[in-house]
PDB file of N, CA and C in Angstrom:
ATOM      1  N   MET A   1      14.915 -85.895 -15.405  1.00  0.00           N
ATOM      2  CA  MET A   1      15.909 -85.350 -16.303  1.00  0.00           C
ATOM      3  C   MET A   1      17.290 -85.679 -15.732  1.00  0.00           C
ATOM      4  N   ALA A   2      18.129 -86.198 -16.554  1.00  0.00           N
ATOM      5  CA  ALA A   2      19.474 -86.582 -16.132  1.00  0.00           C
ATOM      6  C   ALA A   2      20.323 -85.351 -15.841  1.00  0.00           C
ATOM      7  N   MET A   3      21.265 -85.499 -14.917  1.00  0.00           N
ATOM      8  CA  MET A   3      22.140 -84.390 -14.549  1.00  0.00           C
ATOM      9  C   MET A   3      22.877 -83.845 -15.763  1.00  0.00           C
ATOM     10  N   ARG A   4      23.250 -84.709 -16.685  1.00  0.00           N
ATOM     11  CA  ARG A   4      23.945 -84.252 -17.899  1.00  0.00           C
ATOM     12  C   ARG A   4      23.063 -83.268 -18.670  1.00  0.00           C
ATOM     13  N   THR A   5      21.767 -83.536 -18.734  1.00  0.00           N
ATOM     14  CA  THR A   5      20.844 -82.642 -19.433  1.00  0.00           C
ATOM     15  C   THR A   5      20.741 -81.305 -18.710  1.00  0.00           C
ATOM     16  N   VAL A   6      20.701 -81.332 -17.366  1.00  0.00           N
ATOM     17  CA  VAL A   6      20.670 -80.097 -16.580  1.00  0.00           C
ATOM     18  C   VAL A   6      21.940 -79.292 -16.860  1.00  0.00           C
ATOM     19  N   LEU A   7      23.084 -79.958 -16.870  1.00  0.00           N
ATOM     20  CA  LEU A   7      24.344 -79.267 -17.154  1.00  0.00           C
ATOM     21  C   LEU A   7      24.359 -78.670 -18.556  1.00  0.00           C
ATOM     22  N   ASP A   8      23.807 -79.399 -19.524  1.00  0.00           N
ATOM     23  CA  ASP A   8      23.731 -78.883 -20.895  1.00  0.00           C
ATOM     24  C   ASP A   8      22.892 -77.607 -20.946  1.00  0.00           C
ATOM     25  N   GLU A   9      21.783 -77.593 -20.219  1.00  0.00           N
ATOM     26  CA  GLU A   9      20.925 -76.405 -20.184  1.00  0.00           C
ATOM     27  C   GLU A   9      21.657 -75.235 -19.522  1.00  0.00           C
ATOM     28  N   ILE A  10      22.351 -75.496 -18.421  1.00  0.00           N
ATOM     29  CA  ILE A  10      23.117 -74.445 -17.744  1.00  0.00           C
ATOM     30  C   ILE A  10      24.128 -73.828 -18.711  1.00  0.00           C
ATOM     31  N   GLU A  11      24.851 -74.665 -19.417  1.00  0.00           N
ATOM     32  CA  GLU A  11      25.847 -74.172 -20.377  1.00  0.00           C
ATOM     33  C   GLU A  11      25.190 -73.341 -21.478  1.00  0.00           C
ATOM     34  N   ARG A  12      24.052 -73.812 -21.970  1.00  0.00           N
ATOM     35  CA  ARG A  12      23.339 -73.093 -23.034  1.00  0.00           C
ATOM     36  C   ARG A  12      22.859 -71.739 -22.529  1.00  0.00           C
ATOM     37  N   TRP A  13      22.271 -71.729 -21.336  1.00  0.00           N
ATOM     38  CA  TRP A  13      21.768 -70.477 -20.765  1.00  0.00           C
ATOM     39  C   TRP A  13      22.904 -69.486 -20.529  1.00  0.00           C
ATOM     40  N   GLN A  14      24.004 -69.966 -19.946  1.00  0.00           N
ATOM     41  CA  GLN A  14      25.121 -69.068 -19.668  1.00  0.00           C
ATOM     42  C   GLN A  14      25.740 -68.541 -20.959  1.00  0.00           C
ATOM     43  N   ALA A  15      25.812 -69.379 -21.983  1.00  0.00           N
ATOM     44  CA  ALA A  15      26.334 -68.925 -23.276  1.00  0.00           C
ATOM     45  C   ALA A  15      25.435 -67.840 -23.871  1.00  0.00           C
ATOM     46  N   GLY A  16      24.147 -67.875 -23.523  1.00  0.00           N
ATOM     47  CA  GLY A  16      23.197 -66.865 -23.993  1.00  0.00           C
ATOM     48  C   GLY A  16      23.135 -65.634 -23.097  1.00  0.00           C
ATOM     49  N   GLY A  17      24.013 -65.571 -22.087  1.00  0.00           N
ATOM     50  CA  GLY A  17      24.073 -64.396 -21.228  1.00  0.00           C
ATOM     51  C   GLY A  17      23.150 -64.417 -20.022  1.00  0.00           C
ATOM     52  N   HIS A  18      22.534 -65.557 -19.747  1.00  0.00           N
ATOM     53  CA  HIS A  18      21.615 -65.644 -18.609  1.00  0.00           C
ATOM     54  C   HIS A  18      22.356 -65.948 -17.312  1.00  0.00           C
ATOM     55  N   ARG A  19      21.813 -65.416 -16.226  1.00  0.00           N
ATOM     56  CA  ARG A  19      22.284 -65.796 -14.898  1.00  0.00           C
ATOM     57  C   ARG A  19      21.515 -67.044 -14.489  1.00  0.00           C
ATOM     58  N   VAL A  20      22.184 -67.914 -13.728  1.00  0.00           N
ATOM     59  CA  VAL A  20      21.615 -69.216 -13.388  1.00  0.00           C
ATOM     60  C   VAL A  20      21.823 -69.512 -11.904  1.00  0.00           C
ATOM     61  N   ALA A  21      20.789 -70.093 -11.287  1.00  0.00           N
ATOM     62  CA  ALA A  21      20.900 -70.615  -9.925  1.00  0.00           C
ATOM     63  C   ALA A  21      20.752 -72.130  -9.999  1.00  0.00           C
ATOM     64  N   LEU A  22      21.536 -72.821  -9.184  1.00  0.00           N
ATOM     65  CA  LEU A  22      21.476 -74.277  -9.110  1.00  0.00           C
ATOM     66  C   LEU A  22      20.961 -74.678  -7.735  1.00  0.00           C
ATOM     67  N   ALA A  23      19.927 -75.505  -7.719  1.00  0.00           N
ATOM     68  CA  ALA A  23      19.353 -76.026  -6.474  1.00  0.00           C
ATOM     69  C   ALA A  23      19.648 -77.514  -6.406  1.00  0.00           C
ATOM     70  N   ARG A  24      20.119 -77.961  -5.225  1.00  0.00           N
ATOM     71  CA  ARG A  24      20.425 -79.382  -5.045  1.00  0.00           C
ATOM     72  C   ARG A  24      19.872 -79.871  -3.722  1.00  0.00           C
ATOM     73  N   VAL A  25      19.342 -81.087  -3.734  1.00  0.00           N
ATOM     74  CA  VAL A  25      18.933 -81.719  -2.486  1.00  0.00           C
ATOM     75  C   VAL A  25      20.208 -82.109  -1.752  1.00  0.00           C
ATOM     76  N   VAL A  26      20.357 -81.594  -0.521  1.00  0.00           N
ATOM     77  CA  VAL A  26      21.558 -81.882   0.257  1.00  0.00           C
ATOM     78  C   VAL A  26      21.254 -82.714   1.496  1.00  0.00           C
ATOM     79  N   GLY A  27      19.992 -82.978   1.749  1.00  0.00           N
ATOM     80  CA  GLY A  27      19.642 -83.807   2.893  1.00  0.00           C
ATOM     81  C   GLY A  27      18.184 -84.196   2.870  1.00  0.00           C
ATOM     82  N   VAL A  28      17.922 -85.416   3.269  1.00  0.00           N
ATOM     83  CA  VAL A  28      16.551 -85.914   3.385  1.00  0.00           C
ATOM     84  C   VAL A  28      16.458 -86.671   4.703  1.00  0.00           C
ATOM     85  N   THR A  29      15.483 -86.316   5.507  1.00  0.00           N
ATOM     86  CA  THR A  29      15.215 -87.025   6.740  1.00  0.00           C
ATOM     87  C   THR A  29      13.849 -87.675   6.608  1.00  0.00           C
ATOM     88  N   GLY A  30      13.767 -88.961   6.882  1.00  0.00           N
ATOM     89  CA  GLY A  30      12.496 -89.669   6.703  1.00  0.00           C
ATOM     90  C   GLY A  30      12.226 -89.890   5.232  1.00  0.00           C
ATOM     91  N   SER A  31      10.974 -89.859   4.868  1.00  0.00           N
ATOM     92  CA  SER A  31      10.564 -90.071   3.483  1.00  0.00           C
ATOM     93  C   SER A  31      10.615 -88.755   2.729  1.00  0.00           C
ATOM     94  N   GLY A  32      11.243 -88.764   1.568  1.00  0.00           N
ATOM     95  CA  GLY A  32      11.339 -87.558   0.754  1.00  0.00           C
ATOM     96  C   GLY A  32      11.071 -87.872  -0.694  1.00  0.00           C
ATOM     97  N   PRO A  33      10.726 -86.844  -1.473  1.00  0.00           N
ATOM     98  CA  PRO A  33      10.386 -87.058  -2.874  1.00  0.00           C
ATOM     99  C   PRO A  33      11.573 -87.417  -3.755  1.00  0.00           C
ATOM    100  N   ARG A  34      12.767 -86.935  -3.426  1.00  0.00           N
ATOM    101  CA  ARG A  34      13.975 -87.220  -4.201  1.00  0.00           C
ATOM    102  C   ARG A  34      15.132 -87.434  -3.244  1.00  0.00           C
ATOM    103  N   ASP A  35      16.125 -88.163  -3.694  1.00  0.00           N
ATOM    104  CA  ASP A  35      17.307 -88.423  -2.878  1.00  0.00           C
ATOM    105  C   ASP A  35      18.280 -87.250  -2.950  1.00  0.00           C
ATOM    106  N   SER A  36      19.214 -87.229  -2.017  1.00  0.00           N
ATOM    107  CA  SER A  36      20.281 -86.232  -2.045  1.00  0.00           C
ATOM    108  C   SER A  36      20.989 -86.286  -3.393  1.00  0.00           C
ATOM    109  N   GLY A  37      21.324 -85.115  -3.894  1.00  0.00           N
ATOM    110  CA  GLY A  37      21.984 -85.020  -5.185  1.00  0.00           C
ATOM    111  C   GLY A  37      21.064 -84.606  -6.315  1.00  0.00           C
ATOM    112  N   ALA A  38      19.746 -84.770  -6.135  1.00  0.00           N
ATOM    113  CA  ALA A  38      18.818 -84.335  -7.185  1.00  0.00           C
ATOM    114  C   ALA A  38      19.037 -82.841  -7.427  1.00  0.00           C
ATOM    115  N   ALA A  39      18.966 -82.415  -8.686  1.00  0.00           N
ATOM    116  CA  ALA A  39      19.299 -81.031  -9.025  1.00  0.00           C
ATOM    117  C   ALA A  39      18.279 -80.398  -9.957  1.00  0.00           C
ATOM    118  N   MET A  40      18.195 -79.077  -9.833  1.00  0.00           N
ATOM    119  CA  MET A  40      17.339 -78.274 -10.689  1.00  0.00           C
ATOM    120  C   MET A  40      18.040 -76.946 -10.929  1.00  0.00           C
ATOM    121  N   ALA A  41      18.028 -76.476 -12.146  1.00  0.00           N
ATOM    122  CA  ALA A  41      18.600 -75.179 -12.485  1.00  0.00           C
ATOM    123  C   ALA A  41      17.470 -74.243 -12.903  1.00  0.00           C
ATOM    124  N   VAL A  42      17.637 -72.970 -12.558  1.00  0.00           N
ATOM    125  CA  VAL A  42      16.659 -71.935 -12.894  1.00  0.00           C
ATOM    126  C   VAL A  42      17.431 -70.755 -13.462  1.00  0.00           C
ATOM    127  N   ASN A  43      16.967 -70.231 -14.610  1.00  0.00           N
ATOM    128  CA  ASN A  43      17.647 -69.046 -15.135  1.00  0.00           C
ATOM    129  C   ASN A  43      16.831 -67.792 -14.849  1.00  0.00           C
ATOM    130  N   ASP A  44      17.413 -66.638 -15.149  1.00  0.00           N
ATOM    131  CA  ASP A  44      16.777 -65.364 -14.836  1.00  0.00           C
ATOM    132  C   ASP A  44      15.541 -65.062 -15.672  1.00  0.00           C
ATOM    133  N   ASP A  45      15.251 -65.873 -16.675  1.00  0.00           N
ATOM    134  CA  ASP A  45      14.009 -65.758 -17.444  1.00  0.00           C
ATOM    135  C   ASP A  45      12.925 -66.693 -16.923  1.00  0.00           C
ATOM    136  N   GLY A  46      13.265 -67.495 -15.901  1.00  0.00           N
ATOM    137  CA  GLY A  46      12.287 -68.411 -15.324  1.00  0.00           C
ATOM    138  C   GLY A  46      12.261 -69.785 -15.954  1.00  0.00           C
ATOM    139  N   GLU A  47      13.208 -70.058 -16.848  1.00  0.00           N
ATOM    140  CA  GLU A  47      13.285 -71.406 -17.405  1.00  0.00           C
ATOM    141  C   GLU A  47      13.855 -72.341 -16.354  1.00  0.00           C
ATOM    142  N   VAL A  48      13.349 -73.580 -16.342  1.00  0.00           N
ATOM    143  CA  VAL A  48      13.731 -74.565 -15.334  1.00  0.00           C
ATOM    144  C   VAL A  48      14.189 -75.841 -16.029  1.00  0.00           C
ATOM    145  N   ALA A  49      15.256 -76.440 -15.508  1.00  0.00           N
ATOM    146  CA  ALA A  49      15.728 -77.745 -15.971  1.00  0.00           C
ATOM    147  C   ALA A  49      15.917 -78.628 -14.752  1.00  0.00           C
ATOM    148  N   GLY A  50      15.394 -79.827 -14.795  1.00  0.00           N
ATOM    149  CA  GLY A  50      15.525 -80.762 -13.691  1.00  0.00           C
ATOM    150  C   GLY A  50      14.455 -80.566 -12.640  1.00  0.00           C
ATOM    151  N   SER A  51      14.609 -81.290 -11.529  1.00  0.00           N
ATOM    152  CA  SER A  51      13.632 -81.240 -10.444  1.00  0.00           C
ATOM    153  C   SER A  51      14.298 -81.686  -9.152  1.00  0.00           C
ATOM    154  N   VAL A  52      13.946 -81.022  -8.059  1.00  0.00           N
ATOM    155  CA  VAL A  52      14.458 -81.432  -6.758  1.00  0.00           C
ATOM    156  C   VAL A  52      13.413 -82.179  -5.948  1.00  0.00           C
ATOM    157  N   SER A  53      12.181 -82.244  -6.486  1.00  0.00           N
ATOM    158  CA  SER A  53      11.122 -82.867  -5.697  1.00  0.00           C
ATOM    159  C   SER A  53      10.081 -83.620  -6.504  1.00  0.00           C
ATOM    160  N   GLY A  54      10.280 -83.752  -7.775  1.00  0.00           N
ATOM    161  CA  GLY A  54       9.249 -84.392  -8.579  1.00  0.00           C
ATOM    162  C   GLY A  54       8.019 -83.515  -8.713  1.00  0.00           C
ATOM    163  N   GLY A  55       8.163 -82.244  -8.360  1.00  0.00           N
ATOM    164  CA  GLY A  55       7.085 -81.280  -8.536  1.00  0.00           C
ATOM    165  C   GLY A  55       6.521 -80.712  -7.255  1.00  0.00           C
ATOM    166  N   CYS A  56       6.585 -81.448  -6.148  1.00  0.00           N
ATOM    167  CA  CYS A  56       5.848 -81.006  -4.961  1.00  0.00           C
ATOM    168  C   CYS A  56       6.377 -79.729  -4.325  1.00  0.00           C
ATOM    169  N   VAL A  57       7.658 -79.456  -4.356  1.00  0.00           N
ATOM    170  CA  VAL A  57       8.167 -78.187  -3.826  1.00  0.00           C
ATOM    171  C   VAL A  57       8.947 -77.394  -4.869  1.00  0.00           C
ATOM    172  N   ASP A  58       8.950 -77.850  -6.091  1.00  0.00           N
ATOM    173  CA  ASP A  58       9.724 -77.177  -7.135  1.00  0.00           C
ATOM    174  C   ASP A  58       9.317 -75.709  -7.302  1.00  0.00           C
ATOM    175  N   GLY A  59       8.035 -75.397  -7.211  1.00  0.00           N
ATOM    176  CA  GLY A  59       7.579 -74.012  -7.356  1.00  0.00           C
ATOM    177  C   GLY A  59       8.170 -73.108  -6.296  1.00  0.00           C
ATOM    178  N   ALA A  60       8.193 -73.578  -5.055  1.00  0.00           N
ATOM    179  CA  ALA A  60       8.783 -72.794  -3.966  1.00  0.00           C
ATOM    180  C   ALA A  60      10.288 -72.644  -4.168  1.00  0.00           C
ATOM    181  N   VAL A  61      10.926 -73.658  -4.726  1.00  0.00           N
ATOM    182  CA  VAL A  61      12.370 -73.598  -4.968  1.00  0.00           C
ATOM    183  C   VAL A  61      12.666 -72.611  -6.100  1.00  0.00           C
ATOM    184  N   VAL A  62      11.823 -72.554  -7.117  1.00  0.00           N
ATOM    185  CA  VAL A  62      12.012 -71.570  -8.192  1.00  0.00           C
ATOM    186  C   VAL A  62      11.940 -70.165  -7.601  1.00  0.00           C
ATOM    187  N   SER A  63      10.971 -69.919  -6.733  1.00  0.00           N
ATOM    188  CA  SER A  63      10.846 -68.617  -6.088  1.00  0.00           C
ATOM    189  C   SER A  63      12.097 -68.288  -5.278  1.00  0.00           C
ATOM    190  N   ALA A  64      12.602 -69.254  -4.517  1.00  0.00           N
ATOM    191  CA  ALA A  64      13.826 -69.046  -3.739  1.00  0.00           C
ATOM    192  C   ALA A  64      15.023 -68.820  -4.665  1.00  0.00           C
ATOM    193  N   ALA A  65      15.042 -69.494  -5.811  1.00  0.00           N
ATOM    194  CA  ALA A  65      16.136 -69.318  -6.767  1.00  0.00           C
ATOM    195  C   ALA A  65      16.162 -67.881  -7.300  1.00  0.00           C
ATOM    196  N   PHE A  66      14.990 -67.282  -7.524  1.00  0.00           N
ATOM    197  CA  PHE A  66      14.949 -65.880  -7.941  1.00  0.00           C
ATOM    198  C   PHE A  66      15.512 -64.969  -6.854  1.00  0.00           C
ATOM    199  N   ASP A  67      15.223 -65.288  -5.587  1.00  0.00           N
ATOM    200  CA  ASP A  67      15.803 -64.522  -4.478  1.00  0.00           C
ATOM    201  C   ASP A  67      17.325 -64.623  -4.496  1.00  0.00           C
ATOM    202  N   VAL A  68      17.824 -65.833  -4.743  1.00  0.00           N
ATOM    203  CA  VAL A  68      19.271 -66.057  -4.803  1.00  0.00           C
ATOM    204  C   VAL A  68      19.881 -65.281  -5.966  1.00  0.00           C
ATOM    205  N   LEU A  69      19.217 -65.294  -7.108  1.00  0.00           N
ATOM    206  CA  LEU A  69      19.735 -64.546  -8.257  1.00  0.00           C
ATOM    207  C   LEU A  69      19.728 -63.048  -7.984  1.00  0.00           C
ATOM    208  N   SER A  70      18.730 -62.560  -7.262  1.00  0.00           N
ATOM    209  CA  SER A  70      18.650 -61.134  -6.940  1.00  0.00           C
ATOM    210  C   SER A  70      19.717 -60.711  -5.937  1.00  0.00           C
ATOM    211  N   SER A  71      19.905 -61.530  -4.917  1.00  0.00           N
ATOM    212  CA  SER A  71      20.832 -61.167  -3.833  1.00  0.00           C
ATOM    213  C   SER A  71      22.272 -61.589  -4.095  1.00  0.00           C
ATOM    214  N   GLY A  72      22.445 -62.634  -4.897  1.00  0.00           N
ATOM    215  CA  GLY A  72      23.770 -63.194  -5.110  1.00  0.00           C
ATOM    216  C   GLY A  72      24.235 -64.071  -3.963  1.00  0.00           C
ATOM    217  N   GLU A  73      23.370 -64.249  -2.964  1.00  0.00           N
ATOM    218  CA  GLU A  73      23.712 -65.034  -1.773  1.00  0.00           C
ATOM    219  C   GLU A  73      23.057 -66.405  -1.816  1.00  0.00           C
ATOM    220  N   PRO A  74      23.797 -67.479  -1.546  1.00  0.00           N
ATOM    221  CA  PRO A  74      23.194 -68.818  -1.499  1.00  0.00           C
ATOM    222  C   PRO A  74      22.210 -68.931  -0.341  1.00  0.00           C
ATOM    223  N   GLN A  75      21.305 -69.893  -0.456  1.00  0.00           N
ATOM    224  CA  GLN A  75      20.297 -70.155   0.571  1.00  0.00           C
ATOM    225  C   GLN A  75      20.192 -71.643   0.836  1.00  0.00           C
ATOM    226  N   LEU A  76      19.949 -71.994   2.072  1.00  0.00           N
ATOM    227  CA  LEU A  76      19.608 -73.359   2.442  1.00  0.00           C
ATOM    228  C   LEU A  76      18.147 -73.341   2.858  1.00  0.00           C
ATOM    229  N   CYS A  77      17.313 -74.048   2.126  1.00  0.00           N
ATOM    230  CA  CYS A  77      15.877 -74.100   2.398  1.00  0.00           C
ATOM    231  C   CYS A  77      15.528 -75.484   2.923  1.00  0.00           C
ATOM    232  N   ALA A  78      14.583 -75.542   3.828  1.00  0.00           N
ATOM    233  CA  ALA A  78      14.109 -76.825   4.349  1.00  0.00           C
ATOM    234  C   ALA A  78      12.600 -76.868   4.249  1.00  0.00           C
ATOM    235  N   PHE A  79      12.098 -77.981   3.776  1.00  0.00           N
ATOM    236  CA  PHE A  79      10.665 -78.223   3.703  1.00  0.00           C
ATOM    237  C   PHE A  79      10.389 -79.521   4.435  1.00  0.00           C
ATOM    238  N   GLY A  80       9.484 -79.471   5.401  1.00  0.00           N
ATOM    239  CA  GLY A  80       9.178 -80.661   6.181  1.00  0.00           C
ATOM    240  C   GLY A  80       7.693 -80.844   6.371  1.00  0.00           C
ATOM    241  N   TYR A  81       7.317 -82.074   6.616  1.00  0.00           N
ATOM    242  CA  TYR A  81       5.908 -82.427   6.777  1.00  0.00           C
ATOM    243  C   TYR A  81       5.260 -81.660   7.915  1.00  0.00           C
ATOM    244  N   SER A  82       6.002 -81.369   8.966  1.00  0.00           N
ATOM    245  CA  SER A  82       5.420 -80.682  10.113  1.00  0.00           C
ATOM    246  C   SER A  82       5.403 -79.164   9.938  1.00  0.00           C
ATOM    247  N   ASP A  83       6.065 -78.658   8.919  1.00  0.00           N
ATOM    248  CA  ASP A  83       6.071 -77.217   8.678  1.00  0.00           C
ATOM    249  C   ASP A  83       4.697 -76.753   8.209  1.00  0.00           C
ATOM    250  N   ASP A  84       4.310 -75.561   8.625  1.00  0.00           N
ATOM    251  CA  ASP A  84       3.042 -74.980   8.166  1.00  0.00           C
ATOM    252  C   ASP A  84       3.017 -74.863   6.653  1.00  0.00           C
ATOM    253  N   GLU A  85       4.189 -74.611   6.074  1.00  0.00           N
ATOM    254  CA  GLU A  85       4.292 -74.401   4.630  1.00  0.00           C
ATOM    255  C   GLU A  85       4.252 -75.709   3.840  1.00  0.00           C
ATOM    256  N   ALA A  86       4.428 -76.845   4.486  1.00  0.00           N
ATOM    257  CA  ALA A  86       4.568 -78.117   3.777  1.00  0.00           C
ATOM    258  C   ALA A  86       3.398 -78.403   2.849  1.00  0.00           C
ATOM    259  N   PHE A  87       2.189 -78.328   3.370  1.00  0.00           N
ATOM    260  CA  PHE A  87       1.040 -78.619   2.521  1.00  0.00           C
ATOM    261  C   PHE A  87       0.834 -77.552   1.460  1.00  0.00           C
ATOM    262  N   SER A  88       1.135 -76.298   1.779  1.00  0.00           N
ATOM    263  CA  SER A  88       0.914 -75.233   0.804  1.00  0.00           C
ATOM    264  C   SER A  88       1.831 -75.385  -0.401  1.00  0.00           C
ATOM    265  N   VAL A  89       3.015 -75.980  -0.222  1.00  0.00           N
ATOM    266  CA  VAL A  89       3.904 -76.189  -1.367  1.00  0.00           C
ATOM    267  C   VAL A  89       3.758 -77.590  -1.944  1.00  0.00           C
ATOM    268  N   GLY A  90       2.937 -78.445  -1.309  1.00  0.00           N
ATOM    269  CA  GLY A  90       2.658 -79.761  -1.875  1.00  0.00           C
ATOM    270  C   GLY A  90       3.454 -80.904  -1.302  1.00  0.00           C
ATOM    271  N   LEU A  91       4.195 -80.693  -0.221  1.00  0.00           N
ATOM    272  CA  LEU A  91       5.003 -81.765   0.365  1.00  0.00           C
ATOM    273  C   LEU A  91       4.124 -82.580   1.311  1.00  0.00           C
ATOM    274  N   THR A  92       3.687 -83.728   0.842  1.00  0.00           N
ATOM    275  CA  THR A  92       2.796 -84.557   1.652  1.00  0.00           C
ATOM    276  C   THR A  92       3.455 -85.828   2.151  1.00  0.00           C
ATOM    277  N   CYS A  93       4.728 -86.053   1.805  1.00  0.00           N
ATOM    278  CA  CYS A  93       5.436 -87.194   2.369  1.00  0.00           C
ATOM    279  C   CYS A  93       5.772 -86.852   3.825  1.00  0.00           C
ATOM    280  N   SER A  94       6.197 -87.820   4.572  1.00  0.00           N
ATOM    281  CA  SER A  94       6.372 -87.585   6.001  1.00  0.00           C
ATOM    282  C   SER A  94       7.768 -87.124   6.394  1.00  0.00           C
ATOM    283  N   GLY A  95       8.581 -86.733   5.444  1.00  0.00           N
ATOM    284  CA  GLY A  95       9.959 -86.375   5.746  1.00  0.00           C
ATOM    285  C   GLY A  95      10.244 -84.899   5.622  1.00  0.00           C
ATOM    286  N   THR A  96      11.528 -84.594   5.703  1.00  0.00           N
ATOM    287  CA  THR A  96      12.031 -83.231   5.530  1.00  0.00           C
ATOM    288  C   THR A  96      13.103 -83.260   4.450  1.00  0.00           C
ATOM    289  N   VAL A  97      13.061 -82.284   3.582  1.00  0.00           N
ATOM    290  CA  VAL A  97      14.053 -82.188   2.525  1.00  0.00           C
ATOM    291  C   VAL A  97      14.765 -80.845   2.650  1.00  0.00           C
ATOM    292  N   LYS A  98      16.106 -80.876   2.559  1.00  0.00           N
ATOM    293  CA  LYS A  98      16.911 -79.650   2.597  1.00  0.00           C
ATOM    294  C   LYS A  98      17.479 -79.423   1.207  1.00  0.00           C
ATOM    295  N   ILE A  99      17.339 -78.185   0.737  1.00  0.00           N
ATOM    296  CA  ILE A  99      17.755 -77.839  -0.607  1.00  0.00           C
ATOM    297  C   ILE A  99      18.681 -76.622  -0.551  1.00  0.00           C
ATOM    298  N   PHE A 100      19.879 -76.788  -1.107  1.00  0.00           N
ATOM    299  CA  PHE A 100      20.849 -75.705  -1.178  1.00  0.00           C
ATOM    300  C   PHE A 100      20.749 -75.068  -2.556  1.00  0.00           C
ATOM    301  N   ILE A 101      20.600 -73.744  -2.566  1.00  0.00           N
ATOM    302  CA  ILE A 101      20.470 -73.005  -3.826  1.00  0.00           C
ATOM    303  C   ILE A 101      21.600 -71.993  -3.896  1.00  0.00           C
ATOM    304  N   GLU A 102      22.333 -72.010  -5.016  1.00  0.00           N
ATOM    305  CA  GLU A 102      23.462 -71.093  -5.170  1.00  0.00           C
ATOM    306  C   GLU A 102      23.481 -70.485  -6.559  1.00  0.00           C
ATOM    307  N   PRO A 103      23.943 -69.245  -6.660  1.00  0.00           N
ATOM    308  CA  PRO A 103      24.110 -68.655  -7.994  1.00  0.00           C
ATOM    309  C   PRO A 103      25.351 -69.245  -8.639  1.00  0.00           C
ATOM    310  N   LEU A 104      25.306 -69.427  -9.945  1.00  0.00           N
ATOM    311  CA  LEU A 104      26.463 -69.929 -10.678  1.00  0.00           C
ATOM    312  C   LEU A 104      27.099 -68.794 -11.462  1.00  0.00           C
ATOM    313  N   ASP A 105      28.421 -68.761 -11.473  1.00  0.00           N
ATOM    314  CA  ASP A 105      29.145 -67.745 -12.247  1.00  0.00           C
ATOM    315  C   ASP A 105      29.460 -68.280 -13.612  1.00  0.00           C
TER     316      ASP A 105
END
């Protein structure tokens, strides 16, 4: 999904009164599913636009986005091949991906 489409969804959701969190890939070490800059938006109803991983860690990022929406505090999440959580969230490439998630006003 193109960034323009993600932005269109964010605007639509906010116009409808929804709170939105934006997740962006901010770093990749080694092999990763998406390059830096990939984005995904999540609203407070659980709707998702875009992808930060092509699916392999998107579910974990949606969960973290709900935490961000609840707390109002941004989070930096890292998923890596050597992490115990890597296989459980589906990250089977040999790299590490860092994802910054922030609430949007």
